[in-house]
């Protein structure tokens, strides 16, 4: 290496954290893969989904589901994972809706998600023994953020769904959809990891998944061992970092700064 150190000076602590993180992820991935149960707390927003579907069944009205603008593609590194998490939740919602005899309408402007969404809905009908009831026209695609938003608002005004579920990467359309749903008196459940839209969804919806809760809820529904293992490893690493910060804070006030010196390496 030409006499240079493999680890850049001042980054030894970061390297140790990286190794520990990888080790934690591997341990919990193996635990999940071998069938070890990794519990995730119950989210009120997910627990409220049967209530939302039951409301649609009682009122004889449809259910609206949408995954947000999400930059119109699955390939966006920030928005794509949110859309995939939303589609995982959609599979759970669709099965419950089919079981209750509720018509579910899905709205999107994400073109490369269409095959996955269609297969998810088709599978839900098949698993519930009603494959003949699936209609591809339940999936409404509009290219562009504004046409997509107008399509959702138009559906709300025409069909007046009893419940709306907004899960995914939302932008300015979140507040418009949320207020539109409130106007027609719909029960609304939302979730997004976009921090700039969380306040609007929290203010306009009955239940909301905040930030990483969207991914955790998706993992809990799918029971995917890889996702569950990563989530648990991430949570443990957060606790480790928090503990180090607290200890470092206390030690710095006690004028014993050796831990800070270690972290600076």
Protein backbone atom coordinates (compact mmCIF):
# COMPACT_ATOMS: atom_id res chain seq x y z
CA UNK A 1 0.00 0.00 0.00
CA UNK A 2 2.99 2.30 -0.50
CA UNK A 3 3.62 2.70 3.22
CA UNK A 4 0.17 4.15 3.86
CA UNK A 5 -2.08 2.91 6.64
CA UNK A 6 -5.11 0.86 5.67
CA UNK A 7 -7.23 2.87 8.10
CA UNK A 8 -7.19 6.66 7.76
CA UNK A 9 -5.93 8.43 10.86
CA UNK A 10 -8.79 9.68 13.01
CA UNK A 11 -11.22 7.05 11.75
CA UNK A 12 -10.34 4.03 13.86
CA UNK A 13 -13.47 4.42 15.96
CA UNK A 14 -15.63 4.61 12.83
CA UNK A 15 -14.00 1.42 11.56
CA UNK A 16 -14.75 -0.36 14.85
CA UNK A 17 -18.38 0.77 14.68
CA UNK A 18 -18.61 -0.52 11.11
CA UNK A 19 -17.30 -3.96 12.11
CA UNK A 20 -19.64 -4.14 15.11
CA UNK A 21 -22.62 -3.11 12.95
CA UNK A 22 -21.85 -5.75 10.32
CA UNK A 23 -21.46 -8.37 13.06
CA UNK A 24 -24.80 -7.44 14.64
CA UNK A 25 -26.56 -7.55 11.29
CA UNK A 26 -25.08 -10.97 10.54
CA UNK A 27 -26.00 -12.39 13.96
CA UNK A 28 -29.62 -11.29 13.78
CA UNK A 29 -29.96 -12.27 10.12
CA UNK A 30 -28.84 -15.78 11.03
CA UNK A 31 -31.22 -15.86 13.99
CA UNK A 32 -34.14 -14.82 11.80
CA UNK A 33 -33.14 -17.21 9.01
CA UNK A 34 -33.09 -20.13 11.46
CA UNK A 35 -36.62 -19.38 12.59
CA UNK A 36 -35.88 -17.41 15.75
CA UNK A 37 -38.82 -15.09 16.38
CA UNK A 38 -37.88 -11.41 16.28
CA UNK A 39 -40.75 -9.47 17.86
CA UNK A 40 -41.84 -6.06 16.60
CA UNK A 41 -44.21 -3.91 18.60
CA UNK A 42 -47.75 -3.47 17.35
CA UNK A 43 -48.27 -0.24 15.43
CA UNK A 44 -51.65 1.47 15.99
CA UNK A 45 -51.79 2.39 12.29
CA UNK A 46 -51.51 -1.26 11.23
CA UNK A 47 -53.88 -2.42 13.96
CA UNK A 48 -56.44 0.07 12.63
CA UNK A 49 -56.48 -1.39 9.10
CA UNK A 50 -59.20 -3.99 9.86
CA UNK A 51 -61.32 -1.18 11.32
CA UNK A 52 -60.86 0.90 8.16
CA UNK A 53 -61.84 -2.02 5.95
CA UNK A 54 -64.78 -2.87 8.19
CA UNK A 55 -65.97 0.71 7.86
CA UNK A 56 -65.94 0.35 4.07
CA UNK A 57 -67.91 -2.91 4.30
CA UNK A 58 -70.51 -1.41 6.64
CA UNK A 59 -71.02 1.69 4.48
CA UNK A 60 -70.89 -0.20 1.18
CA UNK A 61 -68.13 2.07 -0.13
CA UNK A 62 -64.69 1.39 -1.66
CA UNK A 63 -61.24 1.66 -0.12
CA UNK A 64 -58.62 3.98 -1.63
CA UNK A 65 -54.93 3.06 -1.40
CA UNK A 66 -52.02 5.07 -2.78
CA UNK A 67 -48.22 5.03 -2.42
CA UNK A 68 -47.48 8.69 -3.12
CA UNK A 69 -45.46 10.48 -5.77
CA UNK A 70 -42.11 8.96 -4.69
CA UNK A 71 -40.27 10.60 -7.62
CA UNK A 72 -42.23 8.34 -10.01
CA UNK A 73 -39.72 5.48 -9.88
CA UNK A 74 -38.60 2.52 -7.78
CA UNK A 75 -34.96 3.25 -8.59
CA UNK A 76 -34.75 6.36 -6.41
CA UNK A 77 -32.63 5.37 -3.37
CA UNK A 78 -34.74 7.39 -0.93
CA UNK A 79 -38.24 6.89 -2.33
CA UNK A 80 -38.04 3.42 -3.90
CA UNK A 81 -37.75 1.54 -0.58
CA UNK A 82 -40.79 3.41 0.72
CA UNK A 83 -42.83 2.30 -2.28
CA UNK A 84 -41.74 -1.32 -1.82
CA UNK A 85 -42.65 -1.17 1.87
CA UNK A 86 -46.02 0.27 0.89
CA UNK A 87 -46.65 -2.55 -1.56
CA UNK A 88 -45.86 -5.07 1.18
CA UNK A 89 -48.49 -3.42 3.37
CA UNK A 90 -50.82 -3.37 0.35
CA UNK A 91 -50.70 -7.18 0.22
CA UNK A 92 -52.02 -7.34 3.79
CA UNK A 93 -54.68 -4.70 3.13
CA UNK A 94 -55.79 -6.38 -0.10
CA UNK A 95 -56.31 -9.77 1.55
CA UNK A 96 -58.44 -8.23 4.28
CA UNK A 97 -60.42 -6.22 1.74
CA UNK A 98 -61.11 -9.25 -0.46
CA UNK A 99 -62.15 -11.26 2.60
CA UNK A 100 -64.61 -8.51 3.61
CA UNK A 101 -65.95 -8.02 0.09
CA UNK A 102 -64.58 -4.46 -0.14
CA UNK A 103 -63.47 -3.05 -3.48
CA UNK A 104 -59.93 -1.67 -3.28
CA UNK A 105 -58.71 0.98 -5.73
CA UNK A 106 -55.00 1.69 -6.04
CA UNK A 107 -53.64 4.98 -7.43
CA UNK A 108 -50.05 5.54 -8.50
CA UNK A 109 -47.78 7.52 -10.80
CA UNK A 110 -44.86 5.10 -10.38
CA UNK A 111 -44.74 3.31 -13.72
CA UNK A 112 -42.17 0.63 -12.86
CA UNK A 113 -44.20 -0.47 -9.83
CA UNK A 114 -47.27 -1.42 -11.88
CA UNK A 115 -46.35 -5.09 -12.54
CA UNK A 116 -45.57 -5.61 -8.85
CA UNK A 117 -48.80 -3.93 -7.73
CA UNK A 118 -50.91 -5.92 -10.18
CA UNK A 119 -49.33 -9.20 -9.10
CA UNK A 120 -49.80 -8.28 -5.43
CA UNK A 121 -53.52 -7.63 -5.90
CA UNK A 122 -54.02 -10.63 -8.15
CA UNK A 123 -52.32 -12.89 -5.58
CA UNK A 124 -54.52 -11.50 -2.79
CA UNK A 125 -57.68 -12.42 -4.69
CA UNK A 126 -56.25 -15.84 -5.53
CA UNK A 127 -55.28 -16.59 -1.92
CA UNK A 128 -58.76 -15.65 -0.72
CA UNK A 129 -60.38 -17.93 -3.30
CA UNK A 130 -61.86 -15.14 -5.43
CA UNK A 131 -59.55 -14.83 -8.45
CA UNK A 132 -62.45 -14.05 -10.78
CA UNK A 133 -63.23 -10.84 -8.85
CA UNK A 134 -59.89 -9.19 -9.60
CA UNK A 135 -60.18 -6.33 -12.08
CA UNK A 136 -57.01 -4.69 -13.47
CA UNK A 137 -58.99 -1.44 -13.70
CA UNK A 138 -58.74 -1.25 -9.91
CA UNK A 139 -55.21 0.03 -10.55
CA UNK A 140 -55.21 3.64 -11.76
CA UNK A 141 -51.97 4.97 -13.25
CA UNK A 142 -51.41 8.64 -14.03
CA UNK A 143 -48.10 9.95 -15.35
CA UNK A 144 -46.95 13.02 -13.45
CA UNK A 145 -47.50 14.34 -9.96
CA UNK A 146 -50.36 16.76 -10.69
CA UNK A 147 -52.40 14.39 -12.91
CA UNK A 148 -51.96 11.70 -10.26
CA UNK A 149 -53.14 14.04 -7.52
CA UNK A 150 -56.13 15.16 -9.59
CA UNK A 151 -57.09 11.54 -10.24
CA UNK A 152 -57.07 10.77 -6.51
CA UNK A 153 -59.10 13.86 -5.63
CA UNK A 154 -61.56 13.15 -8.43
CA UNK A 155 -62.07 9.60 -7.18
CA UNK A 156 -62.64 10.89 -3.65
CA UNK A 157 -65.34 13.27 -4.83
CA UNK A 158 -67.07 10.80 -7.14
CA UNK A 159 -66.89 7.57 -5.14
CA UNK A 160 -66.48 9.01 -1.62
CA UNK A 161 -64.45 6.07 -0.21
CA UNK A 162 -65.11 5.27 3.44
CA UNK A 163 -61.38 4.86 4.16
CA UNK A 164 -58.14 6.08 2.60
CA UNK A 165 -54.71 4.51 3.14
CA UNK A 166 -51.73 6.68 2.16
CA UNK A 167 -48.45 4.78 2.51
CA UNK A 168 -45.18 5.63 0.80
CA UNK A 169 -43.02 8.51 -0.38
CA UNK A 170 -45.22 11.60 -0.40
CA UNK A 171 -44.49 15.17 -1.41
CA UNK A 172 -46.83 18.17 -1.59
CA UNK A 173 -49.75 15.93 -2.54
CA UNK A 174 -49.91 14.59 1.02
CA UNK A 175 -51.62 17.64 2.53
CA UNK A 176 -54.02 17.96 -0.42
CA UNK A 177 -55.03 14.29 -0.24
CA UNK A 178 -55.28 14.42 3.53
CA UNK A 179 -57.57 17.44 3.46
CA UNK A 180 -59.53 15.94 0.57
CA UNK A 181 -60.15 12.82 2.62
CA UNK A 182 -61.24 14.88 5.60
CA UNK A 183 -63.70 16.76 3.39
CA UNK A 184 -65.57 13.56 2.55
CA UNK A 185 -65.35 12.22 6.10
CA UNK A 186 -63.09 9.26 5.30
CA UNK A 187 -61.11 7.38 7.92
CA UNK A 188 -57.44 7.83 6.99
CA UNK A 189 -54.30 5.82 7.75
CA UNK A 190 -50.94 7.10 6.52
CA UNK A 191 -47.23 6.43 6.66
CA UNK A 192 -44.11 8.00 5.18
CA UNK A 193 -40.39 8.29 5.80
CA UNK A 194 -40.23 11.75 4.21
CA UNK A 195 -39.71 14.03 7.20
CA UNK A 196 -40.91 17.10 5.30
CA UNK A 197 -44.37 15.54 4.86
CA UNK A 198 -44.89 13.87 8.24
CA UNK A 199 -46.52 16.93 9.89
CA UNK A 200 -49.19 17.12 7.18
CA UNK A 201 -50.08 13.44 7.37
CA UNK A 202 -50.11 13.48 11.17
CA UNK A 203 -52.42 16.51 11.13
CA UNK A 204 -54.87 15.19 8.52
CA UNK A 205 -54.97 11.43 9.20
CA UNK A 206 -56.38 9.34 12.03
CA UNK A 207 -53.30 7.10 12.28
CA UNK A 208 -49.78 7.57 10.93
CA UNK A 209 -46.59 5.53 10.64
CA UNK A 210 -43.62 7.83 11.23
CA UNK A 211 -40.25 7.44 9.49
CA UNK A 212 -38.77 3.95 10.03
CA UNK A 213 -42.08 2.65 11.34
CA UNK A 214 -43.10 2.28 7.69
CA UNK A 215 -40.28 -0.20 7.07
CA UNK A 216 -40.78 -1.96 10.41
CA UNK A 217 -44.50 -2.43 9.71
CA UNK A 218 -43.68 -3.83 6.28
CA UNK A 219 -41.19 -6.27 7.82
CA UNK A 220 -43.71 -7.36 10.44
CA UNK A 221 -46.33 -8.04 7.78
CA UNK A 222 -44.06 -9.92 5.36
CA UNK A 223 -42.10 -11.76 8.10
CA UNK A 224 -39.06 -11.55 5.83
CA UNK A 225 -36.13 -12.83 7.96
CA UNK A 226 -33.59 -10.63 6.19
CA UNK A 227 -35.54 -7.44 6.84
CA UNK A 228 -36.37 -8.44 10.41
CA UNK A 229 -32.74 -9.27 11.12
CA UNK A 230 -31.53 -5.95 9.72
CA UNK A 231 -34.11 -4.06 11.76
CA UNK A 232 -33.09 -5.74 15.00
CA UNK A 233 -29.39 -5.22 14.27
CA UNK A 234 -30.03 -1.55 13.53
CA UNK A 235 -32.01 -1.10 16.74
CA UNK A 236 -29.28 -2.70 18.85
CA UNK A 237 -26.63 -0.51 17.21
CA UNK A 238 -28.69 2.59 17.97
CA UNK A 239 -28.85 1.57 21.62
CA UNK A 240 -25.08 1.02 21.68
CA UNK A 241 -24.42 4.46 20.18
CA UNK A 242 -26.88 6.08 22.59
CA UNK A 243 -25.19 4.38 25.54
CA UNK A 244 -21.76 5.58 24.38
CA UNK A 245 -23.06 9.13 23.99
CA UNK A 246 -24.52 9.12 27.49
CA UNK A 247 -21.36 7.66 29.04
CA UNK A 248 -19.20 10.11 27.10
CA UNK A 249 -21.38 13.02 28.24
CA UNK A 250 -21.06 11.97 31.88
CA UNK A 251 -17.31 11.31 31.68
CA UNK A 252 -16.64 14.66 29.97
CA UNK A 253 -18.35 16.46 32.85
CA UNK A 254 -16.33 14.38 35.31
CA UNK A 255 -13.16 15.64 33.58
CA UNK A 256 -12.10 12.14 32.54
CA UNK A 257 -12.03 12.59 28.74
CA UNK A 258 -10.33 9.30 27.80
CA UNK A 259 -13.46 8.02 26.01
CA UNK A 260 -13.61 11.19 23.94
CA UNK A 261 -9.95 10.73 23.02
CA UNK A 262 -10.72 7.18 21.89
CA UNK A 263 -13.64 8.32 19.73
CA UNK A 264 -11.44 10.96 18.09
CA UNK A 265 -9.02 8.32 16.83
